[in-house]
Amino acid sequence: MPIYEYRCNECGKISEFILIKTDETFIPQCKRCKSKKMSRVLSRVRVIRSEESRMENLADPSKWGSLDEKDPKSMARWMKRMGKELGEEMGEDVDQMVEEAMEEEKGSKPTAEGT
C-alpha cells in the first residue's frame, strides 16, 4: 500500500494518505483546513532499524562529531540526536530546559569587568 504526502497550498500542512486502489482517481483534501488545493511532495524514506543497530550507532565515537561535555550547546545537540536515534522526540520541555541551562551557564561565568 503506497503512502502519498501532499502539501496544502492554503495552510501549508502536509497530509499523508494511504491508497489501497492506485488505479482510481484520487483527489486529496487537507486534513486541517479541508482545502482541495494540494501539491504532491516527495516523501522521506523511512528505514526501520533494530534497537541494537541504533545503540551501536550511538556508541560509535566517529559519529560523535564535535561533542564537548563542557559545552552546553554541544551537549544539547547530542541529547537531541540521541533522542531521534532512539525514536523519541525530546519535546519542547527538554528544549526549554537546555536553553535555561545554557543561560545559567552564561550567568555563572565571570566576566572581565566583574573579576
PDB file of N, CA and C in Angstrom:
ATOM      1  N   MET A   1       0.833  -1.175   0.000  1.00  0.00           N
ATOM      2  CA  MET A   1       0.000   0.000   0.000  1.00  0.00           C
ATOM      3  C   MET A   1       0.886   1.249   0.000  1.00  0.00           C
ATOM      4  N   PRO A   2       0.820   2.017  -1.037  1.00  0.00           N
ATOM      5  CA  PRO A   2       1.635   3.231  -1.072  1.00  0.00           C
ATOM      6  C   PRO A   2       1.054   4.336  -0.204  1.00  0.00           C
ATOM      7  N   ILE A   3       1.967   5.090   0.408  1.00  0.00           N
ATOM      8  CA  ILE A   3       1.582   6.263   1.199  1.00  0.00           C
ATOM      9  C   ILE A   3       2.039   7.482   0.422  1.00  0.00           C
ATOM     10  N   TYR A   4       1.117   8.395   0.190  1.00  0.00           N
ATOM     11  CA  TYR A   4       1.436   9.620  -0.533  1.00  0.00           C
ATOM     12  C   TYR A   4       1.290  10.812   0.400  1.00  0.00           C
ATOM     13  N   GLU A   5       2.158  11.799   0.214  1.00  0.00           N
ATOM     14  CA  GLU A   5       2.096  13.014   1.008  1.00  0.00           C
ATOM     15  C   GLU A   5       1.778  14.194   0.104  1.00  0.00           C
ATOM     16  N   TYR A   6       0.906  15.046   0.601  1.00  0.00           N
ATOM     17  CA  TYR A   6       0.506  16.246  -0.133  1.00  0.00           C
ATOM     18  C   TYR A   6       0.601  17.453   0.796  1.00  0.00           C
ATOM     19  N   ARG A   7       1.062  18.590   0.249  1.00  0.00           N
ATOM     20  CA  ARG A   7       1.117  19.849   0.998  1.00  0.00           C
ATOM     21  C   ARG A   7      -0.057  20.704   0.550  1.00  0.00           C
ATOM     22  N   CYS A   8      -0.761  21.254   1.532  1.00  0.00           N
ATOM     23  CA  CYS A   8      -1.898  22.122   1.244  1.00  0.00           C
ATOM     24  C   CYS A   8      -1.378  23.472   0.759  1.00  0.00           C
ATOM     25  N   ASN A   9      -1.896  23.933  -0.367  1.00  0.00           N
ATOM     26  CA  ASN A   9      -1.494  25.234  -0.905  1.00  0.00           C
ATOM     27  C   ASN A   9      -2.110  26.389  -0.124  1.00  0.00           C
ATOM     28  N   GLU A  10      -3.113  26.091   0.716  1.00  0.00           N
ATOM     29  CA  GLU A  10      -3.776  27.124   1.515  1.00  0.00           C
ATOM     30  C   GLU A  10      -3.088  27.318   2.872  1.00  0.00           C
ATOM     31  N   CYS A  11      -2.947  26.237   3.641  1.00  0.00           N
ATOM     32  CA  CYS A  11      -2.418  26.370   5.009  1.00  0.00           C
ATOM     33  C   CYS A  11      -1.003  25.823   5.184  1.00  0.00           C
ATOM     34  N   GLY A  12      -0.490  25.078   4.195  1.00  0.00           N
ATOM     35  CA  GLY A  12       0.882  24.567   4.263  1.00  0.00           C
ATOM     36  C   GLY A  12       1.046  23.243   4.983  1.00  0.00           C
ATOM     37  N   LYS A  13      -0.013  22.696   5.571  1.00  0.00           N
ATOM     38  CA  LYS A  13       0.064  21.431   6.301  1.00  0.00           C
ATOM     39  C   LYS A  13       0.300  20.276   5.338  1.00  0.00           C
ATOM     40  N   ILE A  14       1.146  19.348   5.747  1.00  0.00           N
ATOM     41  CA  ILE A  14       1.378  18.136   4.957  1.00  0.00           C
ATOM     42  C   ILE A  14       0.473  17.040   5.504  1.00  0.00           C
ATOM     43  N   SER A  15      -0.244  16.396   4.602  1.00  0.00           N
ATOM     44  CA  SER A  15      -1.147  15.308   4.967  1.00  0.00           C
ATOM     45  C   SER A  15      -0.697  14.038   4.264  1.00  0.00           C
ATOM     46  N   GLU A  16      -0.804  12.920   4.968  1.00  0.00           N
ATOM     47  CA  GLU A  16      -0.456  11.613   4.395  1.00  0.00           C
ATOM     48  C   GLU A  16      -1.733  10.852   4.064  1.00  0.00           C
ATOM     49  N   PHE A  17      -1.681  10.130   2.938  1.00  0.00           N
ATOM     50  CA  PHE A  17      -2.830   9.336   2.511  1.00  0.00           C
ATOM     51  C   PHE A  17      -2.343   7.954   2.090  1.00  0.00           C
ATOM     52  N   ILE A  18      -3.003   6.922   2.583  1.00  0.00           N
ATOM     53  CA  ILE A  18      -2.725   5.553   2.169  1.00  0.00           C
ATOM     54  C   ILE A  18      -3.718   5.203   1.072  1.00  0.00           C
ATOM     55  N   LEU A  19      -3.198   4.831  -0.082  1.00  0.00           N
ATOM     56  CA  LEU A  19      -4.070   4.499  -1.206  1.00  0.00           C
ATOM     57  C   LEU A  19      -4.097   2.991  -1.398  1.00  0.00           C
ATOM     58  N   ILE A  20      -5.277   2.426  -1.219  1.00  0.00           N
ATOM     59  CA  ILE A  20      -5.431   0.986  -1.377  1.00  0.00           C
ATOM     60  C   ILE A  20      -5.557   0.634  -2.851  1.00  0.00           C
ATOM     61  N   LYS A  21      -6.336   1.429  -3.580  1.00  0.00           N
ATOM     62  CA  LYS A  21      -6.517   1.198  -5.011  1.00  0.00           C
ATOM     63  C   LYS A  21      -5.856   2.344  -5.761  1.00  0.00           C
ATOM     64  N   THR A  22      -4.736   2.065  -6.388  1.00  0.00           N
ATOM     65  CA  THR A  22      -3.994   3.126  -7.084  1.00  0.00           C
ATOM     66  C   THR A  22      -4.534   3.393  -8.481  1.00  0.00           C
ATOM     67  N   ASP A  23      -5.436   2.550  -8.969  1.00  0.00           N
ATOM     68  CA  ASP A  23      -5.965   2.749 -10.312  1.00  0.00           C
ATOM     69  C   ASP A  23      -7.143   3.731 -10.349  1.00  0.00           C
ATOM     70  N   GLU A  24      -7.652   4.116  -9.174  1.00  0.00           N
ATOM     71  CA  GLU A  24      -8.765   5.069  -9.108  1.00  0.00           C
ATOM     72  C   GLU A  24      -8.231   6.493  -9.022  1.00  0.00           C
ATOM     73  N   THR A  25      -9.030   7.443  -9.517  1.00  0.00           N
ATOM     74  CA  THR A  25      -8.662   8.851  -9.414  1.00  0.00           C
ATOM     75  C   THR A  25      -8.775   9.277  -7.955  1.00  0.00           C
ATOM     76  N   PHE A  26      -7.731   9.930  -7.464  1.00  0.00           N
ATOM     77  CA  PHE A  26      -7.697  10.356  -6.064  1.00  0.00           C
ATOM     78  C   PHE A  26      -7.546  11.874  -5.996  1.00  0.00           C
ATOM     79  N   ILE A  27      -8.448  12.520  -5.288  1.00  0.00           N
ATOM     80  CA  ILE A  27      -8.361  13.973  -5.094  1.00  0.00           C
ATOM     81  C   ILE A  27      -8.133  14.206  -3.600  1.00  0.00           C
ATOM     82  N   PRO A  28      -6.908  14.570  -3.223  1.00  0.00           N
ATOM     83  CA  PRO A  28      -6.612  14.760  -1.795  1.00  0.00           C
ATOM     84  C   PRO A  28      -7.284  15.995  -1.235  1.00  0.00           C
ATOM     85  N   GLN A  29      -7.613  15.924   0.041  1.00  0.00           N
ATOM     86  CA  GLN A  29      -8.221  17.055   0.742  1.00  0.00           C
ATOM     87  C   GLN A  29      -7.448  17.257   2.038  1.00  0.00           C
ATOM     88  N   CYS A  30      -7.074  18.513   2.317  1.00  0.00           N
ATOM     89  CA  CYS A  30      -6.287  18.848   3.504  1.00  0.00           C
ATOM     90  C   CYS A  30      -7.011  18.392   4.769  1.00  0.00           C
ATOM     91  N   LYS A  31      -6.268  17.745   5.658  1.00  0.00           N
ATOM     92  CA  LYS A  31      -6.865  17.257   6.901  1.00  0.00           C
ATOM     93  C   LYS A  31      -7.077  18.381   7.908  1.00  0.00           C
ATOM     94  N   ARG A  32      -6.398  19.520   7.713  1.00  0.00           N
ATOM     95  CA  ARG A  32      -6.564  20.642   8.634  1.00  0.00           C
ATOM     96  C   ARG A  32      -7.671  21.588   8.171  1.00  0.00           C
ATOM     97  N   CYS A  33      -7.530  22.140   6.951  1.00  0.00           N
ATOM     98  CA  CYS A  33      -8.473  23.188   6.517  1.00  0.00           C
ATOM     99  C   CYS A  33      -9.478  22.703   5.465  1.00  0.00           C
ATOM    100  N   LYS A  34      -9.377  21.444   5.057  1.00  0.00           N
ATOM    101  CA  LYS A  34     -10.302  20.810   4.104  1.00  0.00           C
ATOM    102  C   LYS A  34     -10.191  21.340   2.672  1.00  0.00           C
ATOM    103  N   SER A  35      -9.136  22.088   2.371  1.00  0.00           N
ATOM    104  CA  SER A  35      -8.931  22.590   1.017  1.00  0.00           C
ATOM    105  C   SER A  35      -8.560  21.437   0.089  1.00  0.00           C
ATOM    106  N   LYS A  36      -8.940  21.562  -1.176  1.00  0.00           N
ATOM    107  CA  LYS A  36      -8.569  20.553  -2.166  1.00  0.00           C
ATOM    108  C   LYS A  36      -7.418  21.042  -3.043  1.00  0.00           C
ATOM    109  N   LYS A  37      -6.849  22.187  -2.696  1.00  0.00           N
ATOM    110  CA  LYS A  37      -5.697  22.716  -3.425  1.00  0.00           C
ATOM    111  C   LYS A  37      -4.436  22.135  -2.804  1.00  0.00           C
ATOM    112  N   MET A  38      -4.047  20.965  -3.292  1.00  0.00           N
ATOM    113  CA  MET A  38      -2.923  20.218  -2.716  1.00  0.00           C
ATOM    114  C   MET A  38      -1.860  19.959  -3.784  1.00  0.00           C
ATOM    115  N   SER A  39      -0.616  19.902  -3.350  1.00  0.00           N
ATOM    116  CA  SER A  39       0.502  19.566  -4.229  1.00  0.00           C
ATOM    117  C   SER A  39       1.230  18.361  -3.643  1.00  0.00           C
ATOM    118  N   ARG A  40       1.514  17.394  -4.492  1.00  0.00           N
ATOM    119  CA  ARG A  40       2.204  16.201  -4.017  1.00  0.00           C
ATOM    120  C   ARG A  40       3.651  16.552  -3.707  1.00  0.00           C
ATOM    121  N   VAL A  41       4.152  16.038  -2.576  1.00  0.00           N
ATOM    122  CA  VAL A  41       5.533  16.279  -2.184  1.00  0.00           C
ATOM    123  C   VAL A  41       6.290  14.965  -2.150  1.00  0.00           C
ATOM    124  N   LEU A  42       7.581  15.064  -2.292  1.00  0.00           N
ATOM    125  CA  LEU A  42       8.441  13.888  -2.239  1.00  0.00           C
ATOM    126  C   LEU A  42       8.570  13.451  -0.788  1.00  0.00           C
ATOM    127  N   SER A  43       8.192  12.232  -0.502  1.00  0.00           N
ATOM    128  CA  SER A  43       8.234  11.724   0.861  1.00  0.00           C
ATOM    129  C   SER A  43       9.652  11.329   1.243  1.00  0.00           C
ATOM    130  N   ARG A  44       9.955  11.464   2.549  1.00  0.00           N
ATOM    131  CA  ARG A  44      11.241  10.998   3.047  1.00  0.00           C
ATOM    132  C   ARG A  44      11.207   9.484   3.128  1.00  0.00           C
ATOM    133  N   VAL A  45      12.351   8.879   2.915  1.00  0.00           N
ATOM    134  CA  VAL A  45      12.453   7.434   3.032  1.00  0.00           C
ATOM    135  C   VAL A  45      12.580   7.091   4.511  1.00  0.00           C
ATOM    136  N   ARG A  46      11.814   6.148   4.943  1.00  0.00           N
ATOM    137  CA  ARG A  46      11.867   5.719   6.335  1.00  0.00           C
ATOM    138  C   ARG A  46      12.431   4.311   6.398  1.00  0.00           C
ATOM    139  N   VAL A  47      13.428   4.146   7.231  1.00  0.00           N
ATOM    140  CA  VAL A  47      14.063   2.845   7.379  1.00  0.00           C
ATOM    141  C   VAL A  47      13.843   2.371   8.806  1.00  0.00           C
ATOM    142  N   ILE A  48      13.344   1.173   8.933  1.00  0.00           N
ATOM    143  CA  ILE A  48      13.134   0.604  10.258  1.00  0.00           C
ATOM    144  C   ILE A  48      14.428  -0.086  10.672  1.00  0.00           C
ATOM    145  N   ARG A  49      14.935   0.340  11.820  1.00  0.00           N
ATOM    146  CA  ARG A  49      16.177  -0.238  12.328  1.00  0.00           C
ATOM    147  C   ARG A  49      15.917  -0.865  13.691  1.00  0.00           C
ATOM    148  N   SER A  50      16.713  -1.867  13.999  1.00  0.00           N
ATOM    149  CA  SER A  50      16.573  -2.513  15.297  1.00  0.00           C
ATOM    150  C   SER A  50      17.151  -1.618  16.385  1.00  0.00           C
ATOM    151  N   GLU A  51      16.735  -1.869  17.608  1.00  0.00           N
ATOM    152  CA  GLU A  51      17.271  -1.098  18.732  1.00  0.00           C
ATOM    153  C   GLU A  51      18.774  -1.329  18.857  1.00  0.00           C
ATOM    154  N   GLU A  52      19.206  -2.551  18.586  1.00  0.00           N
ATOM    155  CA  GLU A  52      20.636  -2.870  18.657  1.00  0.00           C
ATOM    156  C   GLU A  52      21.432  -2.035  17.650  1.00  0.00           C
ATOM    157  N   SER A  53      20.898  -1.888  16.447  1.00  0.00           N
ATOM    158  CA  SER A  53      21.556  -1.087  15.421  1.00  0.00           C
ATOM    159  C   SER A  53      21.651   0.374  15.832  1.00  0.00           C
ATOM    160  N   ARG A  54      20.573   0.902  16.416  1.00  0.00           N
ATOM    161  CA  ARG A  54      20.580   2.298  16.869  1.00  0.00           C
ATOM    162  C   ARG A  54      21.581   2.509  17.986  1.00  0.00           C
ATOM    163  N   MET A  55      21.652   1.576  18.940  1.00  0.00           N
ATOM    164  CA  MET A  55      22.585   1.693  20.053  1.00  0.00           C
ATOM    165  C   MET A  55      24.039   1.603  19.573  1.00  0.00           C
ATOM    166  N   GLU A  56      24.302   0.730  18.600  1.00  0.00           N
ATOM    167  CA  GLU A  56      25.653   0.631  18.040  1.00  0.00           C
ATOM    168  C   GLU A  56      26.052   1.940  17.375  1.00  0.00           C
ATOM    169  N   ASN A  57      25.121   2.558  16.692  1.00  0.00           N
ATOM    170  CA  ASN A  57      25.391   3.831  16.036  1.00  0.00           C
ATOM    171  C   ASN A  57      25.728   4.910  17.062  1.00  0.00           C
ATOM    172  N   LEU A  58      25.014   4.932  18.183  1.00  0.00           N
ATOM    173  CA  LEU A  58      25.286   5.916  19.231  1.00  0.00           C
ATOM    174  C   LEU A  58      26.630   5.663  19.913  1.00  0.00           C
ATOM    175  N   ALA A  59      27.032   4.408  19.989  1.00  0.00           N
ATOM    176  CA  ALA A  59      28.276   4.063  20.676  1.00  0.00           C
ATOM    177  C   ALA A  59      29.517   4.295  19.815  1.00  0.00           C
ATOM    178  N   ASP A  60      29.328   4.514  18.520  1.00  0.00           N
ATOM    179  CA  ASP A  60      30.461   4.709  17.606  1.00  0.00           C
ATOM    180  C   ASP A  60      31.048   6.107  17.792  1.00  0.00           C
ATOM    181  N   PRO A  61      32.273   6.218  18.346  1.00  0.00           N
ATOM    182  CA  PRO A  61      32.874   7.535  18.594  1.00  0.00           C
ATOM    183  C   PRO A  61      33.067   8.383  17.334  1.00  0.00           C
ATOM    184  N   SER A  62      33.188   7.755  16.187  1.00  0.00           N
ATOM    185  CA  SER A  62      33.372   8.526  14.951  1.00  0.00           C
ATOM    186  C   SER A  62      32.110   9.305  14.583  1.00  0.00           C
ATOM    187  N   LYS A  63      30.964   8.923  15.149  1.00  0.00           N
ATOM    188  CA  LYS A  63      29.694   9.605  14.870  1.00  0.00           C
ATOM    189  C   LYS A  63      29.406  10.726  15.860  1.00  0.00           C
ATOM    190  N   TRP A  64      30.262  10.904  16.852  1.00  0.00           N
ATOM    191  CA  TRP A  64      30.008  11.895  17.890  1.00  0.00           C
ATOM    192  C   TRP A  64      30.265  13.313  17.427  1.00  0.00           C
ATOM    193  N   GLY A  65      31.021  13.468  16.367  1.00  0.00           N
ATOM    194  CA  GLY A  65      31.296  14.811  15.854  1.00  0.00           C
ATOM    195  C   GLY A  65      32.089  15.626  16.849  1.00  0.00           C
ATOM    196  N   SER A  66      31.652  16.830  17.091  1.00  0.00           N
ATOM    197  CA  SER A  66      32.390  17.733  17.972  1.00  0.00           C
ATOM    198  C   SER A  66      31.771  17.764  19.365  1.00  0.00           C
ATOM    199  N   LEU A  67      31.484  16.609  19.933  1.00  0.00           N
ATOM    200  CA  LEU A  67      30.886  16.543  21.261  1.00  0.00           C
ATOM    201  C   LEU A  67      31.883  17.040  22.299  1.00  0.00           C
ATOM    202  N   ASP A  68      31.464  18.025  23.069  1.00  0.00           N
ATOM    203  CA  ASP A  68      32.288  18.580  24.141  1.00  0.00           C
ATOM    204  C   ASP A  68      31.426  18.631  25.391  1.00  0.00           C
ATOM    205  N   GLU A  69      31.721  17.767  26.358  1.00  0.00           N
ATOM    206  CA  GLU A  69      30.881  17.690  27.559  1.00  0.00           C
ATOM    207  C   GLU A  69      30.916  18.959  28.408  1.00  0.00           C
ATOM    208  N   LYS A  70      31.838  19.871  28.131  1.00  0.00           N
ATOM    209  CA  LYS A  70      31.912  21.127  28.875  1.00  0.00           C
ATOM    210  C   LYS A  70      31.118  22.246  28.190  1.00  0.00           C
ATOM    211  N   ASP A  71      30.604  21.972  27.004  1.00  0.00           N
ATOM    212  CA  ASP A  71      29.855  22.964  26.246  1.00  0.00           C
ATOM    213  C   ASP A  71      28.373  22.585  26.249  1.00  0.00           C
ATOM    214  N   PRO A  72      27.513  23.383  26.914  1.00  0.00           N
ATOM    215  CA  PRO A  72      26.083  23.046  26.984  1.00  0.00           C
ATOM    216  C   PRO A  72      25.421  22.925  25.620  1.00  0.00           C
ATOM    217  N   LYS A  73      25.808  23.767  24.658  1.00  0.00           N
ATOM    218  CA  LYS A  73      25.200  23.674  23.322  1.00  0.00           C
ATOM    219  C   LYS A  73      25.552  22.354  22.658  1.00  0.00           C
ATOM    220  N   SER A  74      26.792  21.937  22.818  1.00  0.00           N
ATOM    221  CA  SER A  74      27.228  20.665  22.243  1.00  0.00           C
ATOM    222  C   SER A  74      26.456  19.510  22.879  1.00  0.00           C
ATOM    223  N   MET A  75      26.285  19.566  24.186  1.00  0.00           N
ATOM    224  CA  MET A  75      25.539  18.513  24.881  1.00  0.00           C
ATOM    225  C   MET A  75      24.063  18.521  24.465  1.00  0.00           C
ATOM    226  N   ALA A  76      23.498  19.706  24.262  1.00  0.00           N
ATOM    227  CA  ALA A  76      22.098  19.802  23.832  1.00  0.00           C
ATOM    228  C   ALA A  76      21.917  19.164  22.458  1.00  0.00           C
ATOM    229  N   ARG A  77      22.839  19.459  21.543  1.00  0.00           N
ATOM    230  CA  ARG A  77      22.760  18.847  20.204  1.00  0.00           C
ATOM    231  C   ARG A  77      22.860  17.329  20.312  1.00  0.00           C
ATOM    232  N   TRP A  78      23.747  16.838  21.183  1.00  0.00           N
ATOM    233  CA  TRP A  78      23.927  15.402  21.357  1.00  0.00           C
ATOM    234  C   TRP A  78      22.661  14.771  21.939  1.00  0.00           C
ATOM    235  N   MET A  79      22.041  15.441  22.911  1.00  0.00           N
ATOM    236  CA  MET A  79      20.805  14.916  23.503  1.00  0.00           C
ATOM    237  C   MET A  79      19.701  14.800  22.455  1.00  0.00           C
ATOM    238  N   LYS A  80      19.571  15.819  21.621  1.00  0.00           N
ATOM    239  CA  LYS A  80      18.540  15.785  20.580  1.00  0.00           C
ATOM    240  C   LYS A  80      18.813  14.661  19.589  1.00  0.00           C
ATOM    241  N   ARG A  81      20.085  14.509  19.212  1.00  0.00           N
ATOM    242  CA  ARG A  81      20.443  13.443  18.271  1.00  0.00           C
ATOM    243  C   ARG A  81      20.165  12.078  18.885  1.00  0.00           C
ATOM    244  N   MET A  82      20.497  11.925  20.163  1.00  0.00           N
ATOM    245  CA  MET A  82      20.264  10.662  20.847  1.00  0.00           C
ATOM    246  C   MET A  82      18.771  10.355  20.896  1.00  0.00           C
ATOM    247  N   GLY A  83      17.961  11.360  21.175  1.00  0.00           N
ATOM    248  CA  GLY A  83      16.515  11.167  21.205  1.00  0.00           C
ATOM    249  C   GLY A  83      15.968  10.733  19.862  1.00  0.00           C
ATOM    250  N   LYS A  84      16.442  11.383  18.794  1.00  0.00           N
ATOM    251  CA  LYS A  84      15.988  10.998  17.449  1.00  0.00           C
ATOM    252  C   LYS A  84      16.427   9.578  17.126  1.00  0.00           C
ATOM    253  N   GLU A  85      17.662   9.246  17.481  1.00  0.00           N
ATOM    254  CA  GLU A  85      18.200   7.914  17.186  1.00  0.00           C
ATOM    255  C   GLU A  85      17.404   6.833  17.909  1.00  0.00           C
ATOM    256  N   LEU A  86      16.928   7.155  19.097  1.00  0.00           N
ATOM    257  CA  LEU A  86      16.151   6.189  19.876  1.00  0.00           C
ATOM    258  C   LEU A  86      14.670   6.223  19.533  1.00  0.00           C
ATOM    259  N   GLY A  87      14.304   7.114  18.598  1.00  0.00           N
ATOM    260  CA  GLY A  87      12.924   7.178  18.152  1.00  0.00           C
ATOM    261  C   GLY A  87      12.024   7.964  19.075  1.00  0.00           C
ATOM    262  N   GLU A  88      12.620   8.817  19.904  1.00  0.00           N
ATOM    263  CA  GLU A  88      11.838   9.617  20.833  1.00  0.00           C
ATOM    264  C   GLU A  88      12.149  11.086  20.605  1.00  0.00           C
ATOM    265  N   GLU A  89      11.120  11.857  20.370  1.00  0.00           N
ATOM    266  CA  GLU A  89      11.303  13.294  20.263  1.00  0.00           C
ATOM    267  C   GLU A  89      11.407  13.842  21.681  1.00  0.00           C
ATOM    268  N   MET A  90      12.372  14.692  21.898  1.00  0.00           N
ATOM    269  CA  MET A  90      12.592  15.238  23.239  1.00  0.00           C
ATOM    270  C   MET A  90      11.491  16.201  23.647  1.00  0.00           C
ATOM    271  N   GLY A  91      10.937  16.922  22.708  1.00  0.00           N
ATOM    272  CA  GLY A  91       9.846  17.828  23.015  1.00  0.00           C
ATOM    273  C   GLY A  91      10.314  19.197  23.466  1.00  0.00           C
ATOM    274  N   GLU A  92       9.340  20.079  23.595  1.00  0.00           N
ATOM    275  CA  GLU A  92       9.638  21.467  23.946  1.00  0.00           C
ATOM    276  C   GLU A  92      10.151  21.606  25.366  1.00  0.00           C
ATOM    277  N   ASP A  93       9.721  20.728  26.281  1.00  0.00           N
ATOM    278  CA  ASP A  93      10.172  20.817  27.671  1.00  0.00           C
ATOM    279  C   ASP A  93      11.683  20.664  27.768  1.00  0.00           C
ATOM    280  N   VAL A  94      12.234  19.690  27.049  1.00  0.00           N
ATOM    281  CA  VAL A  94      13.677  19.469  27.081  1.00  0.00           C
ATOM    282  C   VAL A  94      14.395  20.635  26.419  1.00  0.00           C
ATOM    283  N   ASP A  95      13.860  21.124  25.300  1.00  0.00           N
ATOM    284  CA  ASP A  95      14.466  22.281  24.640  1.00  0.00           C
ATOM    285  C   ASP A  95      14.537  23.464  25.597  1.00  0.00           C
ATOM    286  N   GLN A  96      13.459  23.700  26.337  1.00  0.00           N
ATOM    287  CA  GLN A  96      13.415  24.816  27.278  1.00  0.00           C
ATOM    288  C   GLN A  96      14.425  24.600  28.407  1.00  0.00           C
ATOM    289  N   MET A  97      14.521  23.375  28.926  1.00  0.00           N
ATOM    290  CA  MET A  97      15.479  23.088  29.993  1.00  0.00           C
ATOM    291  C   MET A  97      16.905  23.320  29.528  1.00  0.00           C
ATOM    292  N   VAL A  98      17.206  22.901  28.303  1.00  0.00           N
ATOM    293  CA  VAL A  98      18.544  23.079  27.758  1.00  0.00           C
ATOM    294  C   VAL A  98      18.856  24.556  27.604  1.00  0.00           C
ATOM    295  N   GLU A  99      17.888  25.320  27.092  1.00  0.00           N
ATOM    296  CA  GLU A  99      18.089  26.769  26.937  1.00  0.00           C
ATOM    297  C   GLU A  99      18.320  27.429  28.298  1.00  0.00           C
ATOM    298  N   GLU A 100      17.547  27.028  29.307  1.00  0.00           N
ATOM    299  CA  GLU A 100      17.728  27.588  30.648  1.00  0.00           C
ATOM    300  C   GLU A 100      19.100  27.237  31.206  1.00  0.00           C
ATOM    301  N   ALA A 101      19.539  26.009  30.970  1.00  0.00           N
ATOM    302  CA  ALA A 101      20.862  25.596  31.449  1.00  0.00           C
ATOM    303  C   ALA A 101      21.956  26.419  30.774  1.00  0.00           C
ATOM    304  N   MET A 102      21.789  26.683  29.486  1.00  0.00           N
ATOM    305  CA  MET A 102      22.784  27.478  28.770  1.00  0.00           C
ATOM    306  C   MET A 102      22.795  28.913  29.290  1.00  0.00           C
ATOM    307  N   GLU A 103      21.618  29.453  29.630  1.00  0.00           N
ATOM    308  CA  GLU A 103      21.550  30.808  30.185  1.00  0.00           C
ATOM    309  C   GLU A 103      22.225  30.858  31.550  1.00  0.00           C
ATOM    310  N   GLU A 104      21.977  29.833  32.395  1.00  0.00           N
ATOM    311  CA  GLU A 104      22.615  29.772  33.705  1.00  0.00           C
ATOM    312  C   GLU A 104      24.130  29.673  33.556  1.00  0.00           C
ATOM    313  N   GLU A 105      24.568  28.898  32.555  1.00  0.00           N
ATOM    314  CA  GLU A 105      25.999  28.754  32.299  1.00  0.00           C
ATOM    315  C   GLU A 105      26.611  30.102  31.949  1.00  0.00           C
ATOM    316  N   LYS A 106      25.917  30.869  31.120  1.00  0.00           N
ATOM    317  CA  LYS A 106      26.409  32.200  30.750  1.00  0.00           C
ATOM    318  C   LYS A 106      26.474  33.105  31.970  1.00  0.00           C
ATOM    319  N   GLY A 107      25.455  33.043  32.832  1.00  0.00           N
ATOM    320  CA  GLY A 107      25.381  33.879  34.016  1.00  0.00           C
ATOM    321  C   GLY A 107      26.410  33.534  35.068  1.00  0.00           C
ATOM    322  N   SER A 108      26.859  32.284  35.120  1.00  0.00           N
ATOM    323  CA  SER A 108      27.802  31.865  36.158  1.00  0.00           C
ATOM    324  C   SER A 108      29.260  32.101  35.772  1.00  0.00           C
ATOM    325  N   LYS A 109      29.548  32.391  34.505  1.00  0.00           N
ATOM    326  CA  LYS A 109      30.920  32.646  34.074  1.00  0.00           C
ATOM    327  C   LYS A 109      31.318  34.059  34.470  1.00  0.00           C
ATOM    328  N   PRO A 110      32.488  34.217  35.086  1.00  0.00           N
ATOM    329  CA  PRO A 110      32.924  35.562  35.439  1.00  0.00           C
ATOM    330  C   PRO A 110      33.288  36.353  34.192  1.00  0.00           C
ATOM    331  N   THR A 111      32.937  37.629  34.193  1.00  0.00           N
ATOM    332  CA  THR A 111      33.273  38.488  33.069  1.00  0.00           C
ATOM    333  C   THR A 111      34.555  39.235  33.376  1.00  0.00           C
ATOM    334  N   ALA A 112      35.151  39.855  32.375  1.00  0.00           N
ATOM    335  CA  ALA A 112      36.405  40.603  32.563  1.00  0.00           C
ATOM    336  C   ALA A 112      36.161  41.794  33.466  1.00  0.00           C
ATOM    337  N   GLU A 113      34.946  42.376  33.399  1.00  0.00           N
ATOM    338  CA  GLU A 113      34.633  43.552  34.208  1.00  0.00           C
ATOM    339  C   GLU A 113      34.416  43.185  35.669  1.00  0.00           C
ATOM    340  N   GLY A 114      33.797  42.009  35.904  1.00  0.00           N
ATOM    341  CA  GLY A 114      33.410  41.646  37.264  1.00  0.00           C
ATOM    342  C   GLY A 114      34.465  40.879  38.024  1.00  0.00           C
ATOM    343  N   THR A 115      35.625  40.658  37.491  1.00  0.00           N
ATOM    344  CA  THR A 115      36.628  39.857  38.188  1.00  0.00           C
ATOM    345  C   THR A 115      37.527  40.688  39.052  1.00  0.00           C
TER     346      THR A 115
END
